[in-house]
Amino acid sequence: MRMMRIAAGSTLAGLLLALSGLPTYAQAIPPGAKRCSFEAWTVDRQGRTNVRAAPSIRAAILGTVPSASRRIASPEEGAGVSVIASMNGFFLVGSIDVDDIETATPDRKLGKVFRGSGWIHGSQLAFHIQSGDGLRATPSRDAPVSVRFRQAGPDGIGDPDAVVLQMHGCSGRNVEATLTTMDGKEIGRGWLVRDAEEGQAPPVMTCPLQLTTCT
């Protein structure tokens, strides 16, 4: 039987999984968690992101995955993740993919990579904000813009000048996040509501492709 030290704060489900040796993708969504469905990638200045057994900084670390740099001008690919729930500022990922990293940068030494399911803190996840008008106060397409984006291109045309600093929660395909501009000025906190639009602005779209766009 595979043994693992369990830190205080781990859920009973995480404890049972760790002691049983069952694949971590069998983790159940705990009561109180918000279900959602979106893709992102891992990002951390240290180059590694912890995957935990429960949505707590005190929970057992199941393993680590590679992280992209926060340097916008020179990104490195992080691990791609599929998010299925959120709780306490953590996000439950159902799968982790590092195939693109190994293909694009074969000389990058990844070491032992965790490929199962587990919880990642929202400060270590990101995606591109490809288009849209701004943040909403609630995860509803009918909600008006509460924080408007500035466009990155000349004359206010182009992609939003907005970068994910931290994700806080999710609901369906919508994500609550704190955003900054590309030069690090805080924009604010609110909901990125997929397909929401107001007036003549393009709908809000996000993209989990790190080095290109989704269209």
Protein backbone atom coordinates (compact mmCIF):
# COMPACT_ATOMS: atom_id res chain seq x y z
CA MET A 1 0.00 0.00 0.00
CA ARG A 2 1.32 3.42 -0.91
CA MET A 3 1.80 5.55 2.18
CA MET A 4 1.60 9.34 2.23
CA ARG A 5 1.84 11.87 5.02
CA ILE A 6 -1.43 13.80 5.35
CA ALA A 7 -1.27 17.35 6.64
CA ALA A 8 -3.89 18.82 8.94
CA GLY A 9 -6.78 20.34 7.04
CA SER A 10 -7.04 17.57 4.42
CA THR A 11 -10.53 16.34 3.75
CA LEU A 12 -11.60 12.82 4.66
CA ALA A 13 -11.90 12.08 0.94
CA GLY A 14 -8.30 13.15 0.36
CA LEU A 15 -7.15 11.04 3.31
CA LEU A 16 -8.89 7.92 2.07
CA LEU A 17 -7.54 8.38 -1.43
CA ALA A 18 -4.00 8.86 -0.24
CA LEU A 19 -4.08 5.77 1.97
CA SER A 20 -5.83 3.54 -0.53
CA GLY A 21 -3.48 4.20 -3.42
CA LEU A 22 -6.45 4.80 -5.72
CA PRO A 23 -5.86 7.04 -8.76
CA THR A 24 -6.30 10.67 -7.76
CA TYR A 25 -8.68 11.34 -10.65
CA ALA A 26 -11.28 9.47 -8.55
CA GLN A 27 -11.59 12.47 -6.22
CA ALA A 28 -15.20 13.45 -5.64
CA ILE A 29 -16.38 17.06 -5.72
CA PRO A 30 -16.95 17.89 -2.02
CA PRO A 31 -20.18 19.42 -0.68
CA GLY A 32 -20.15 23.19 -0.98
CA ALA A 33 -17.85 23.28 -4.02
CA LYS A 34 -19.01 25.13 -7.13
CA ARG A 35 -19.06 23.05 -10.30
CA CYS A 36 -17.59 24.56 -13.42
CA SER A 37 -15.91 23.71 -16.69
CA PHE A 38 -13.02 25.64 -18.24
CA GLU A 39 -9.39 25.19 -19.21
CA ALA A 40 -6.34 27.08 -17.99
CA TRP A 41 -2.62 26.65 -17.42
CA THR A 42 -0.40 26.71 -14.36
CA VAL A 43 1.74 29.74 -13.56
CA ASP A 44 4.09 30.36 -10.65
CA ARG A 45 7.32 32.33 -10.27
CA GLN A 46 9.00 29.29 -8.72
CA GLY A 47 8.47 27.19 -11.85
CA ARG A 48 6.47 24.49 -10.03
CA THR A 49 2.86 24.34 -8.88
CA ASN A 50 1.64 22.16 -6.02
CA VAL A 51 -1.37 19.90 -6.53
CA ARG A 52 -3.10 19.23 -3.21
CA ALA A 53 -5.48 16.59 -1.85
CA ALA A 54 -8.01 19.18 -0.63
CA PRO A 55 -8.80 22.91 -1.07
CA SER A 56 -6.49 24.08 1.71
CA ILE A 57 -2.88 25.25 1.97
CA ARG A 58 -2.52 22.71 4.79
CA ALA A 59 -3.67 19.77 2.68
CA ALA A 60 -1.27 17.08 1.55
CA ILE A 61 0.70 17.80 -1.62
CA LEU A 62 -0.03 15.01 -4.09
CA GLY A 63 2.64 16.16 -6.53
CA THR A 64 3.83 19.08 -8.63
CA VAL A 65 3.42 20.23 -12.24
CA PRO A 66 5.44 22.69 -14.34
CA SER A 67 4.43 26.35 -14.31
CA ALA A 68 4.76 29.09 -16.90
CA SER A 69 6.65 32.25 -16.04
CA ARG A 70 4.65 35.39 -15.23
CA ARG A 71 6.92 37.35 -17.59
CA ILE A 72 4.47 38.37 -20.29
CA ALA A 73 7.22 39.15 -22.83
CA SER A 74 8.84 35.74 -22.55
CA PRO A 75 6.40 33.07 -21.42
CA GLU A 76 7.23 29.42 -20.91
CA GLU A 77 4.45 26.91 -21.23
CA GLY A 78 2.88 25.64 -18.02
CA ALA A 79 0.82 22.51 -17.60
CA GLY A 80 -2.62 22.60 -19.20
CA VAL A 81 -5.46 21.80 -16.78
CA SER A 82 -9.18 21.15 -17.05
CA VAL A 83 -11.02 22.70 -14.10
CA ILE A 84 -14.19 21.05 -12.80
CA ALA A 85 -14.91 22.81 -9.46
CA SER A 86 -13.79 25.54 -7.06
CA MET A 87 -13.81 25.97 -3.28
CA ASN A 88 -12.03 28.30 -0.83
CA GLY A 89 -10.00 29.91 -3.62
CA PHE A 90 -8.76 26.53 -4.86
CA PHE A 91 -9.70 24.81 -8.12
CA LEU A 92 -10.19 21.08 -8.63
CA VAL A 93 -8.54 19.99 -11.85
CA GLY A 94 -9.79 16.79 -13.46
CA SER A 95 -6.80 16.33 -15.75
CA ILE A 96 -3.31 17.72 -16.27
CA ASP A 97 -1.51 17.83 -19.62
CA VAL A 98 2.19 18.49 -20.19
CA ASP A 99 2.44 16.96 -23.68
CA ASP A 100 2.76 20.36 -25.37
CA ILE A 101 5.65 21.34 -23.12
CA GLU A 102 7.54 18.16 -23.88
CA THR A 103 6.94 18.60 -27.61
CA ALA A 104 7.71 22.32 -27.86
CA THR A 105 10.71 22.37 -25.50
CA PRO A 106 12.22 18.87 -25.40
CA ASP A 107 15.30 20.19 -23.58
CA ARG A 108 13.23 21.47 -20.66
CA LYS A 109 13.75 19.05 -17.80
CA LEU A 110 10.35 18.52 -16.20
CA GLY A 111 11.34 15.91 -13.65
CA LYS A 112 8.57 13.85 -12.05
CA VAL A 113 5.23 15.36 -13.09
CA PHE A 114 1.91 14.71 -11.34
CA ARG A 115 -0.75 13.81 -13.93
CA GLY A 116 -3.80 12.99 -11.82
CA SER A 117 -6.52 15.12 -10.25
CA GLY A 118 -6.24 17.52 -7.34
CA TRP A 119 -6.59 21.08 -6.05
CA ILE A 120 -4.56 24.07 -7.28
CA HIS A 121 -4.69 27.53 -5.73
CA GLY A 122 -6.24 30.26 -7.87
CA SER A 123 -3.08 32.37 -7.77
CA GLN A 124 -1.38 29.65 -9.83
CA LEU A 125 -3.83 29.46 -12.74
CA ALA A 126 -4.27 31.69 -15.78
CA PHE A 127 -5.64 31.96 -19.30
CA HIS A 128 -5.71 34.62 -22.00
CA ILE A 129 -8.56 37.13 -22.10
CA GLN A 130 -9.00 37.19 -25.84
CA SER A 131 -11.88 39.64 -26.21
CA GLY A 132 -14.63 41.32 -24.25
CA ASP A 133 -15.85 44.54 -22.66
CA GLY A 134 -15.19 44.00 -18.95
CA LEU A 135 -15.96 42.27 -15.66
CA ARG A 136 -19.41 41.67 -14.18
CA ALA A 137 -20.50 41.73 -10.53
CA THR A 138 -22.29 38.38 -10.93
CA PRO A 139 -21.78 35.35 -13.21
CA SER A 140 -24.70 36.28 -15.45
CA ARG A 141 -24.73 37.26 -19.12
CA ASP A 142 -27.45 39.79 -18.26
CA ALA A 143 -25.30 41.58 -15.67
CA PRO A 144 -23.96 44.97 -16.79
CA VAL A 145 -20.24 45.69 -16.97
CA SER A 146 -18.94 46.71 -13.54
CA VAL A 147 -15.24 47.10 -14.48
CA ARG A 148 -14.51 48.00 -18.09
CA PHE A 149 -11.46 46.81 -20.02
CA ARG A 150 -9.03 49.08 -21.80
CA GLN A 151 -8.00 47.78 -25.22
CA ALA A 152 -4.32 47.03 -25.80
CA GLY A 153 -4.18 48.13 -29.44
CA PRO A 154 -3.95 51.67 -30.89
CA ASP A 155 -7.15 53.73 -30.96
CA GLY A 156 -8.80 51.35 -28.50
CA ILE A 157 -8.83 48.47 -30.98
CA GLY A 158 -7.47 45.02 -30.22
CA ASP A 159 -7.41 42.49 -27.40
CA PRO A 160 -8.19 43.68 -23.86
CA ASP A 161 -5.24 44.99 -21.89
CA ALA A 162 -6.03 42.51 -19.13
CA VAL A 163 -4.07 39.74 -17.44
CA VAL A 164 -5.29 37.26 -14.83
CA LEU A 165 -3.54 37.90 -11.52
CA GLN A 166 -5.60 35.44 -9.46
CA MET A 167 -8.71 33.32 -9.87
CA HIS A 168 -11.13 33.22 -6.93
CA GLY A 169 -14.04 31.03 -7.97
CA CYS A 170 -16.07 29.71 -10.87
CA SER A 171 -19.59 28.92 -11.99
CA GLY A 172 -20.21 27.00 -15.19
CA ARG A 173 -17.85 28.47 -17.78
CA ASN A 174 -17.54 31.74 -15.85
CA VAL A 175 -14.58 32.67 -13.65
CA GLU A 176 -14.25 35.21 -10.85
CA ALA A 177 -10.80 36.79 -11.03
CA THR A 178 -8.62 39.74 -10.13
CA LEU A 179 -7.08 41.29 -13.25
CA THR A 180 -4.19 43.63 -13.95
CA THR A 181 -3.04 45.41 -17.09
CA MET A 182 -0.03 43.99 -18.93
CA ASP A 183 2.22 46.47 -17.12
CA GLY A 184 0.91 45.39 -13.72
CA LYS A 185 -1.70 48.03 -12.85
CA GLU A 186 -4.68 46.55 -11.06
CA ILE A 187 -7.94 46.58 -13.00
CA GLY A 188 -10.19 45.06 -10.36
CA ARG A 189 -12.05 41.96 -9.32
CA GLY A 190 -15.19 40.54 -10.90
CA TRP A 191 -16.64 37.85 -13.13
CA LEU A 192 -15.40 37.00 -16.60
CA VAL A 193 -18.71 35.87 -18.08
CA ARG A 194 -18.24 33.89 -21.27
CA ASP A 195 -20.15 35.29 -24.27
CA ALA A 196 -21.46 38.31 -22.30
CA GLU A 197 -21.54 41.55 -24.29
CA GLU A 198 -22.84 45.07 -23.94
CA GLY A 199 -23.53 47.49 -26.77
CA GLN A 200 -21.19 47.06 -29.74
CA ALA A 201 -18.38 45.41 -27.76
CA PRO A 202 -17.30 41.86 -28.70
CA PRO A 203 -18.37 39.07 -26.36
CA VAL A 204 -16.10 38.01 -23.51
CA MET A 205 -13.88 35.15 -24.67
CA THR A 206 -11.01 33.41 -22.91
CA CYS A 207 -8.36 31.15 -24.40
CA PRO A 208 -6.26 28.45 -22.70
CA LEU A 209 -3.67 28.32 -25.53
CA GLN A 210 -0.54 29.89 -24.09
CA LEU A 211 1.46 30.93 -27.12
CA THR A 212 -1.26 31.65 -29.66
CA THR A 213 -4.95 32.53 -29.87
CA CYS A 214 -7.99 30.29 -30.01
CA THR A 215 -9.30 31.70 -33.31
